[in-house]
Amino acid sequence: MHDLLRVVADAQPQVVGALAATLRLSVLAKLLLATLLGGAIGLEREMAGKPAGLRTNILICVGAALFMQLSIDVAEIGFSADGHPFGDTTRIAAQIVSGIGFLGAGAILHGEGAVVGLTTAATIWVVAAVGAAVGAGAYVDALGTTILIMLVLIGLRPLERRLLAKRRRVHATLRVKPGMPFETYDELIQGNGVHIFARRTFEHDTDRTFELELIGATKQFDVICDMLRTRKDVISITTD
């Protein structure tokens, strides 16, 4: 009886190891970690009211981790006589980078001359990188990157709001002498840090009028108006 117990005790680690290998518990652990890291970032995005929220970021992170694991597994299916794997560990993993770009591009919207969704697209891209790191077994890298992402998304938000508060959108009416090309004024305006996202041109007998929609820092509007008023080809410039 004592010998039987000893045999069972000696066999127990082998049984546990075989069971773990069969169930691929290490892979499941990776996917669970990817779920936690992707969920942490996704929760912040969800609370911020962004379209790519909790579930989206979890799925991206888990999918990238699984693809990375499959990339490693496929490459290790067979080895040549000199010990090199028949497969390429980078082939499937490389498609994560290009494939996730299409998903990120879909999150970027253009409306009224403004571009929105860039942060969401960048978050999708970096969450995929976190998932790939988990799949490759780079756990410290994945955890450190997640912490940095959270610091950027949460810690820099107050600073971003203060910076945006100093920028505003204005409508400007620029009247110049007939025949004057807009390129002359475009260089002056954008050269002083103000973005032109909409422009309409009206031809009159006595002048050429440009209706402009501008975004920039408040103080820069005053600088640009003063510079335009000093030009002899400018009849008037008004903002509202």
Protein backbone atom coordinates (compact mmCIF):
# COMPACT_ATOMS: atom_id res chain seq x y z
CA MET A 1 0.00 0.00 0.00
CA HIS A 2 2.83 2.33 0.90
CA ASP A 3 4.53 1.57 -2.42
CA LEU A 4 1.30 2.26 -4.31
CA LEU A 5 0.94 5.66 -2.66
CA ARG A 6 4.53 6.45 -3.52
CA VAL A 7 3.91 5.55 -7.19
CA VAL A 8 0.81 7.72 -7.25
CA ALA A 9 2.70 10.60 -5.65
CA ASP A 10 5.54 10.28 -8.14
CA ALA A 11 3.14 10.15 -11.06
CA GLN A 12 1.07 13.13 -9.92
CA PRO A 13 3.40 15.86 -11.32
CA GLN A 14 3.51 14.03 -14.66
CA VAL A 15 -0.27 13.75 -14.76
CA VAL A 16 -0.70 17.44 -13.91
CA GLY A 17 1.87 18.37 -16.53
CA ALA A 18 0.19 16.24 -19.16
CA LEU A 19 -3.21 17.70 -18.27
CA ALA A 20 -1.87 21.24 -18.47
CA ALA A 21 -0.30 20.49 -21.84
CA THR A 22 -3.51 18.96 -23.13
CA LEU A 23 -5.69 21.84 -21.98
CA ARG A 24 -2.99 24.39 -22.97
CA LEU A 25 -3.45 26.24 -19.71
CA SER A 26 -0.52 28.51 -20.51
CA VAL A 27 -2.36 29.76 -23.61
CA LEU A 28 -5.55 30.26 -21.61
CA ALA A 29 -3.54 32.25 -19.07
CA LYS A 30 -2.23 34.47 -21.86
CA LEU A 31 -5.73 35.08 -23.17
CA LEU A 32 -6.95 35.89 -19.67
CA LEU A 33 -4.13 38.39 -19.21
CA ALA A 34 -4.95 39.93 -22.59
CA THR A 35 -8.56 40.22 -21.46
CA LEU A 36 -7.54 42.05 -18.29
CA LEU A 37 -5.13 44.44 -20.01
CA GLY A 38 -7.45 45.15 -22.93
CA GLY A 39 -10.33 45.54 -20.50
CA ALA A 40 -8.44 48.10 -18.40
CA ILE A 41 -7.88 50.29 -21.45
CA GLY A 42 -11.35 49.62 -22.80
CA LEU A 43 -12.96 50.61 -19.50
CA GLU A 44 -11.33 54.03 -19.68
CA ARG A 45 -12.51 54.44 -23.27
CA GLU A 46 -16.03 53.32 -22.29
CA MET A 47 -16.18 55.84 -19.46
CA ALA A 48 -14.99 58.55 -21.83
CA GLY A 49 -17.89 57.73 -24.14
CA LYS A 50 -15.74 56.62 -27.07
CA PRO A 51 -17.06 54.26 -29.78
CA ALA A 52 -14.29 51.68 -29.23
CA GLY A 53 -15.07 50.83 -25.62
CA LEU A 54 -14.73 47.92 -23.22
CA ARG A 55 -15.74 44.98 -25.41
CA THR A 56 -14.01 46.28 -28.53
CA ASN A 57 -10.63 46.70 -26.83
CA ILE A 58 -10.89 43.33 -25.10
CA LEU A 59 -11.63 41.56 -28.37
CA ILE A 60 -8.77 43.33 -30.14
CA CYS A 61 -6.29 42.49 -27.40
CA VAL A 62 -7.37 38.85 -27.09
CA GLY A 63 -7.43 38.40 -30.86
CA ALA A 64 -3.92 39.82 -31.25
CA ALA A 65 -2.65 37.57 -28.45
CA LEU A 66 -4.19 34.48 -30.05
CA PHE A 67 -2.82 35.34 -33.48
CA MET A 68 0.64 35.80 -31.98
CA GLN A 69 0.39 32.44 -30.21
CA LEU A 70 -0.77 30.75 -33.42
CA SER A 71 2.11 32.35 -35.26
CA ILE A 72 4.54 30.76 -32.80
CA ASP A 73 2.77 27.39 -32.84
CA VAL A 74 2.64 27.17 -36.64
CA ALA A 75 6.35 27.95 -36.92
CA GLU A 76 7.16 25.12 -34.50
CA ILE A 77 5.22 22.40 -36.34
CA GLY A 78 8.33 21.04 -38.00
CA PHE A 79 12.08 21.58 -38.04
CA SER A 80 14.70 21.04 -40.69
CA ALA A 81 17.72 18.81 -40.21
CA ASP A 82 19.80 21.73 -38.94
CA GLY A 83 17.17 22.61 -36.32
CA HIS A 84 15.54 25.59 -38.03
CA PRO A 85 11.73 25.73 -38.03
CA PHE A 86 9.93 25.26 -41.33
CA GLY A 87 7.51 28.06 -40.50
CA ASP A 88 8.04 31.78 -40.05
CA THR A 89 7.03 33.18 -36.67
CA THR A 90 6.58 36.66 -38.12
CA ARG A 91 4.20 35.80 -40.96
CA ILE A 92 0.90 35.74 -39.06
CA ALA A 93 2.07 38.29 -36.50
CA ALA A 94 2.95 40.80 -39.24
CA GLN A 95 -0.63 40.76 -40.47
CA ILE A 96 -1.81 42.04 -37.09
CA VAL A 97 -0.08 45.36 -37.73
CA SER A 98 -1.52 45.84 -41.22
CA GLY A 99 -4.91 44.31 -40.44
CA ILE A 100 -5.58 46.44 -37.39
CA GLY A 101 -4.91 49.51 -39.50
CA PHE A 102 -8.15 48.96 -41.43
CA LEU A 103 -10.09 48.80 -38.17
CA GLY A 104 -8.43 51.97 -36.93
CA ALA A 105 -9.11 53.75 -40.21
CA GLY A 106 -12.80 53.02 -39.78
CA ALA A 107 -12.77 54.88 -36.46
CA ILE A 108 -11.53 58.11 -38.07
CA LEU A 109 -14.30 60.42 -39.24
CA HIS A 110 -14.24 63.65 -41.21
CA GLY A 111 -16.90 66.21 -40.54
CA GLU A 112 -17.15 69.93 -41.28
CA GLY A 113 -13.46 70.07 -42.03
CA ALA A 114 -12.47 68.53 -38.71
CA VAL A 115 -10.96 65.11 -38.12
CA VAL A 116 -12.18 63.07 -35.14
CA GLY A 117 -11.37 59.60 -33.91
CA LEU A 118 -7.59 59.74 -34.17
CA THR A 119 -7.13 58.89 -30.48
CA THR A 120 -9.55 55.99 -30.81
CA ALA A 121 -7.69 54.68 -33.85
CA ALA A 122 -4.34 55.01 -32.08
CA THR A 123 -5.74 53.22 -29.04
CA ILE A 124 -6.96 50.34 -31.18
CA TRP A 125 -3.52 50.08 -32.75
CA VAL A 126 -1.60 50.07 -29.46
CA VAL A 127 -4.06 47.64 -27.79
CA ALA A 128 -3.30 45.19 -30.58
CA ALA A 129 0.39 45.65 -29.81
CA VAL A 130 -0.29 44.85 -26.15
CA GLY A 131 -2.13 41.69 -27.16
CA ALA A 132 0.71 40.65 -29.47
CA ALA A 133 3.20 41.15 -26.63
CA VAL A 134 1.12 38.91 -24.36
CA GLY A 135 0.92 36.26 -27.06
CA ALA A 136 4.69 36.37 -27.46
CA GLY A 137 5.20 35.94 -23.72
CA ALA A 138 6.51 39.48 -23.17
CA TYR A 139 4.36 40.00 -20.07
CA VAL A 140 6.41 42.79 -18.49
CA ASP A 141 6.37 44.72 -21.77
CA ALA A 142 2.61 44.29 -22.12
CA LEU A 143 1.92 45.34 -18.53
CA GLY A 144 4.27 48.33 -18.71
CA THR A 145 2.74 49.47 -22.00
CA THR A 146 -0.76 49.20 -20.53
CA ILE A 147 0.25 51.38 -17.60
CA LEU A 148 1.75 53.98 -19.94
CA ILE A 149 -1.40 53.96 -22.09
CA MET A 150 -3.58 54.56 -19.05
CA LEU A 151 -1.33 57.42 -17.94
CA VAL A 152 -1.60 59.02 -21.37
CA LEU A 153 -5.36 58.58 -21.70
CA ILE A 154 -6.23 59.66 -18.16
CA GLY A 155 -3.29 61.74 -16.95
CA LEU A 156 -2.99 63.97 -20.00
CA ARG A 157 -6.72 64.60 -20.39
CA PRO A 158 -6.79 67.74 -18.14
CA LEU A 159 -3.81 69.20 -20.03
CA GLU A 160 -5.47 68.50 -23.37
CA ARG A 161 -8.65 70.23 -22.23
CA ARG A 162 -6.71 73.31 -21.18
CA LEU A 163 -4.95 73.42 -24.54
CA LEU A 164 -8.19 73.02 -26.46
CA ALA A 165 -9.78 75.77 -24.39
CA LYS A 166 -7.22 78.17 -25.81
CA ARG A 167 -8.24 77.27 -29.36
CA ARG A 168 -11.46 78.39 -30.97
CA ARG A 169 -13.28 78.31 -34.25
CA VAL A 170 -14.12 81.59 -35.95
CA HIS A 171 -15.74 82.76 -39.15
CA ALA A 172 -13.72 85.36 -41.06
CA THR A 173 -14.59 87.51 -44.06
CA LEU A 174 -11.58 88.64 -46.08
CA ARG A 175 -12.18 91.23 -48.82
CA VAL A 176 -9.31 91.82 -51.25
CA LYS A 177 -8.79 93.54 -54.58
CA PRO A 178 -10.21 91.75 -57.65
CA GLY A 179 -8.05 89.00 -59.08
CA MET A 180 -5.89 88.43 -55.98
CA PRO A 181 -5.15 84.70 -55.52
CA PHE A 182 -5.97 83.11 -52.18
CA GLU A 183 -2.59 81.33 -51.99
CA THR A 184 -1.01 84.63 -50.94
CA TYR A 185 -3.15 84.79 -47.80
CA ASP A 186 -3.21 81.04 -47.21
CA GLU A 187 0.54 81.04 -46.57
CA LEU A 188 0.23 83.97 -44.16
CA ILE A 189 -2.66 82.46 -42.19
CA GLN A 190 -1.40 78.91 -41.87
CA GLY A 191 2.15 80.10 -41.33
CA ASN A 192 0.93 81.71 -38.11
CA GLY A 193 -0.54 78.48 -36.74
CA VAL A 194 -4.19 78.88 -37.79
CA HIS A 195 -5.88 76.05 -39.68
CA ILE A 196 -8.23 76.77 -42.59
CA PHE A 197 -10.79 73.99 -42.84
CA ALA A 198 -13.39 75.67 -45.05
CA ARG A 199 -13.28 78.39 -47.69
CA ARG A 200 -15.73 79.95 -50.13
CA THR A 201 -14.91 82.55 -52.77
CA PHE A 202 -17.25 85.23 -54.09
CA GLU A 203 -16.45 87.43 -57.07
CA HIS A 204 -17.72 91.01 -57.16
CA ASP A 205 -17.08 93.96 -59.44
CA THR A 206 -15.18 95.86 -56.76
CA ASP A 207 -13.55 93.05 -54.77
CA ARG A 208 -12.97 89.34 -54.27
CA THR A 209 -14.39 88.02 -51.00
CA PHE A 210 -13.20 84.93 -49.13
CA GLU A 211 -15.48 83.43 -46.48
CA LEU A 212 -13.21 81.42 -44.14
CA GLU A 213 -13.72 79.00 -41.27
CA LEU A 214 -10.64 79.03 -39.08
CA ILE A 215 -9.37 77.12 -36.02
CA GLY A 216 -6.51 78.38 -33.91
CA ALA A 217 -5.32 80.10 -30.77
CA THR A 218 -7.21 83.28 -29.89
CA LYS A 219 -4.14 85.50 -29.84
CA GLN A 220 -3.11 84.34 -33.31
CA PHE A 221 -6.31 85.67 -34.86
CA ASP A 222 -5.41 89.17 -33.72
CA VAL A 223 -1.89 88.81 -35.10
CA ILE A 224 -3.15 87.63 -38.49
CA CYS A 225 -5.79 90.37 -38.74
CA ASP A 226 -3.19 93.04 -37.98
CA MET A 227 -0.85 91.63 -40.61
CA LEU A 228 -3.58 91.47 -43.24
CA ARG A 229 -4.74 95.03 -42.58
CA THR A 230 -1.26 96.34 -43.35
CA ARG A 231 -1.41 94.91 -46.89
CA LYS A 232 -2.45 97.30 -49.67
CA ASP A 233 -4.30 94.54 -51.53
CA VAL A 234 -6.58 93.85 -48.55
CA ILE A 235 -9.73 95.93 -48.34
CA SER A 236 -11.03 94.56 -45.03
CA ILE A 237 -10.91 91.60 -42.66
CA THR A 238 -13.61 90.86 -40.08
CA THR A 239 -14.11 87.95 -37.68
CA ASP A 240 -17.04 86.68 -35.58
